[in-house]
């Protein structure tokens, strides 16, 4: 298995990562936004400074990915500024399928600004593994690669958020990989979440 960063010109790999996301996160908000929206989002992770996309490859085929950012607020602003028309187009499609999606989308884009802290940190924004490659240690390898890349003289910790309810597997996975639970909170939609952190 090879773990490496994705470059901007690897459109086929980004397409494969979107497919893994769709297979991994069925029923989730970003999945509902559709393939086109996800493609734009993951391309932005590759392009924006202090952000990136890691891919796990087996026989040159993507079987997992991890998206991260050291400046999530800046990344979201970049996404809106650089691809506003395309994001609006894909968002409109989602809005017509489900009108309540608009406020959820606005809150999603405002969230990074609300979550600003005094210290600099890296957000593990998304991690997914092809369902056919589960239990091979792919997710743990991706997290280990992220940990090894981060300059902890510059960043205080890696953080992530995940569901608190009906999500025992993911919560065990993050704890197994050394993440420590720091708080539980509710989203505006009433979804219970847990924030985890990992630091040296």
Foldseek 3Di string as FASTA:
>chain_A
DDKDWDALVPLVLLLLALVQCLQFDPPDLVNLLDSQLSSLLQSLQRPDPQWTKMFDDDVNHTFKMWTKGQQLLVSLVCSCVVPVPSSVVSVVVSCVVPVVSPVVVVCVNCVSVVPDDPFTAMEREDIGGRPVCPPPCPRLVNVVVVVVPDDCVRGVWYKYKDFPPPPVPVVVVVVVSPWDWDDWDADPVRTIMTMTIHGD
